[in-house]
């Protein structure tokens, strides 16, 4: 429901692919109408967790810079939001 509501606004999907050992991996960054990053919103609300990214993003940011922006996971855990609600 959260994601469906967020995507009711116009949104932009930026993609990038990167060759990995046996295949190619596709990355996507979704920006909703007000400029928010969907991944950041999901993490901030406890609906997704951070999993390392190892490629430059479509807008040129490094994976380290992007992961630093997703630092809201610890606050979501502390506030027991979303999937963290019943965690110990």
C-alpha atoms as a PDB file:
ATOM      1  CA  UNK A   1       0.000   0.000   0.000  1.00  0.00           C
ATOM      2  CA  UNK A   2       2.839   2.418   0.893  1.00  0.00           C
ATOM      3  CA  UNK A   3       4.585   1.966  -2.455  1.00  0.00           C
ATOM      4  CA  UNK A   4       1.334   2.110  -4.427  1.00  0.00           C
ATOM      5  CA  UNK A   5       0.503   5.453  -2.779  1.00  0.00           C
ATOM      6  CA  UNK A   6       3.997   6.810  -3.462  1.00  0.00           C
ATOM      7  CA  UNK A   7       3.791   5.803  -7.123  1.00  0.00           C
ATOM      8  CA  UNK A   8       0.429   7.502  -7.662  1.00  0.00           C
ATOM      9  CA  UNK A   9       2.443  10.679  -8.217  1.00  0.00           C
ATOM     10  CA  UNK A  10       4.489  10.983 -11.406  1.00  0.00           C
ATOM     11  CA  UNK A  11       7.807   9.189 -11.002  1.00  0.00           C
ATOM     12  CA  UNK A  12      11.083   8.667 -12.845  1.00  0.00           C
ATOM     13  CA  UNK A  13      13.060   5.440 -13.072  1.00  0.00           C
ATOM     14  CA  UNK A  14      16.797   5.646 -13.780  1.00  0.00           C
ATOM     15  CA  UNK A  15      18.490   2.396 -14.681  1.00  0.00           C
ATOM     16  CA  UNK A  16      22.008   1.116 -14.984  1.00  0.00           C
ATOM     17  CA  UNK A  17      23.371  -2.325 -15.752  1.00  0.00           C
ATOM     18  CA  UNK A  18      26.711  -3.715 -14.777  1.00  0.00           C
ATOM     19  CA  UNK A  19      28.396  -6.904 -15.879  1.00  0.00           C
ATOM     20  CA  UNK A  20      29.042  -9.337 -13.043  1.00  0.00           C
ATOM     21  CA  UNK A  21      30.905 -12.640 -13.114  1.00  0.00           C
ATOM     22  CA  UNK A  22      28.294 -14.734 -14.911  1.00  0.00           C
ATOM     23  CA  UNK A  23      25.654 -12.256 -16.041  1.00  0.00           C
ATOM     24  CA  UNK A  24      24.603  -8.620 -15.925  1.00  0.00           C
ATOM     25  CA  UNK A  25      22.950  -6.962 -12.964  1.00  0.00           C
ATOM     26  CA  UNK A  26      20.360  -4.247 -13.449  1.00  0.00           C
ATOM     27  CA  UNK A  27      19.984  -1.394 -10.981  1.00  0.00           C
ATOM     28  CA  UNK A  28      17.090   1.046 -10.793  1.00  0.00           C
ATOM     29  CA  UNK A  29      16.572   4.220  -8.803  1.00  0.00           C
ATOM     30  CA  UNK A  30      13.001   5.494  -8.537  1.00  0.00           C
ATOM     31  CA  UNK A  31      12.365   9.190  -7.862  1.00  0.00           C
ATOM     32  CA  UNK A  32       8.784  10.133  -7.092  1.00  0.00           C
ATOM     33  CA  UNK A  33       7.227  13.445  -8.158  1.00  0.00           C
ATOM     34  CA  UNK A  34       8.449  15.547  -5.238  1.00  0.00           C
ATOM     35  CA  UNK A  35      12.049  14.394  -5.772  1.00  0.00           C
ATOM     36  CA  UNK A  36      12.137  11.811  -2.987  1.00  0.00           C
ATOM     37  CA  UNK A  37      14.001   8.567  -3.575  1.00  0.00           C
ATOM     38  CA  UNK A  38      11.603   5.624  -3.177  1.00  0.00           C
ATOM     39  CA  UNK A  39      14.322   3.400  -1.677  1.00  0.00           C
ATOM     40  CA  UNK A  40      15.093   5.997   0.986  1.00  0.00           C
ATOM     41  CA  UNK A  41      11.398   6.324   1.861  1.00  0.00           C
ATOM     42  CA  UNK A  42      11.025   2.553   2.151  1.00  0.00           C
ATOM     43  CA  UNK A  43      14.095   2.259   4.397  1.00  0.00           C
ATOM     44  CA  UNK A  44      13.039   5.239   6.535  1.00  0.00           C
ATOM     45  CA  UNK A  45       9.647   3.612   7.124  1.00  0.00           C
ATOM     46  CA  UNK A  46      11.039   0.172   7.949  1.00  0.00           C
ATOM     47  CA  UNK A  47       9.696  -1.380   4.754  1.00  0.00           C
ATOM     48  CA  UNK A  48      13.063  -2.251   3.193  1.00  0.00           C
ATOM     49  CA  UNK A  49      16.561  -2.852   4.425  1.00  0.00           C
ATOM     50  CA  UNK A  50      19.850  -1.675   3.039  1.00  0.00           C
ATOM     51  CA  UNK A  51      21.727  -4.157   0.927  1.00  0.00           C
ATOM     52  CA  UNK A  52      25.085  -3.087  -0.465  1.00  0.00           C
ATOM     53  CA  UNK A  53      25.323  -1.565  -3.910  1.00  0.00           C
ATOM     54  CA  UNK A  54      28.601  -1.858  -5.788  1.00  0.00           C
ATOM     55  CA  UNK A  55      28.171   0.336  -8.845  1.00  0.00           C
ATOM     56  CA  UNK A  56      28.082   4.045  -9.653  1.00  0.00           C
ATOM     57  CA  UNK A  57      24.495   5.234  -9.898  1.00  0.00           C
ATOM     58  CA  UNK A  58      22.888   6.618 -13.077  1.00  0.00           C
ATOM     59  CA  UNK A  59      23.295  10.181 -11.782  1.00  0.00           C
ATOM     60  CA  UNK A  60      27.033   9.671 -11.187  1.00  0.00           C
ATOM     61  CA  UNK A  61      26.980   9.221  -7.398  1.00  0.00           C
ATOM     62  CA  UNK A  62      29.192   6.516  -5.966  1.00  0.00           C
ATOM     63  CA  UNK A  63      27.624   3.532  -4.257  1.00  0.00           C
ATOM     64  CA  UNK A  64      29.212   4.676  -0.977  1.00  0.00           C
ATOM     65  CA  UNK A  65      27.536   8.101  -1.239  1.00  0.00           C
ATOM     66  CA  UNK A  66      24.175   6.484  -1.956  1.00  0.00           C
ATOM     67  CA  UNK A  67      24.459   4.026   0.944  1.00  0.00           C
ATOM     68  CA  UNK A  68      25.343   6.910   3.272  1.00  0.00           C
ATOM     69  CA  UNK A  69      22.101   8.615   2.217  1.00  0.00           C
ATOM     70  CA  UNK A  70      20.157   5.480   3.170  1.00  0.00           C
ATOM     71  CA  UNK A  71      21.346   5.747   6.780  1.00  0.00           C
ATOM     72  CA  UNK A  72      17.736   5.958   7.991  1.00  0.00           C
ATOM     73  CA  UNK A  73      17.670   2.199   8.643  1.00  0.00           C
ATOM     74  CA  UNK A  74      19.069   2.512  12.153  1.00  0.00           C
ATOM     75  CA  UNK A  75      16.439   5.127  13.061  1.00  0.00           C
ATOM     76  CA  UNK A  76      13.664   2.913  11.666  1.00  0.00           C
ATOM     77  CA  UNK A  77      14.969   0.043  13.826  1.00  0.00           C
ATOM     78  CA  UNK A  78      15.092   2.294  16.889  1.00  0.00           C
ATOM     79  CA  UNK A  79      11.560   3.569  16.238  1.00  0.00           C
ATOM     80  CA  UNK A  80      10.368  -0.010  15.503  1.00  0.00           C
ATOM     81  CA  UNK A  81       8.781   0.961  12.188  1.00  0.00           C
ATOM     82  CA  UNK A  82       7.460  -1.405   9.538  1.00  0.00           C
ATOM     83  CA  UNK A  83       9.281  -4.718   9.545  1.00  0.00           C
ATOM     84  CA  UNK A  84      11.285  -3.700  12.608  1.00  0.00           C
ATOM     85  CA  UNK A  85       8.107  -3.497  14.710  1.00  0.00           C
ATOM     86  CA  UNK A  86       8.381  -7.048  16.052  1.00  0.00           C
ATOM     87  CA  UNK A  87      12.162  -7.453  15.847  1.00  0.00           C
ATOM     88  CA  UNK A  88      14.316  -7.806  18.914  1.00  0.00           C
END
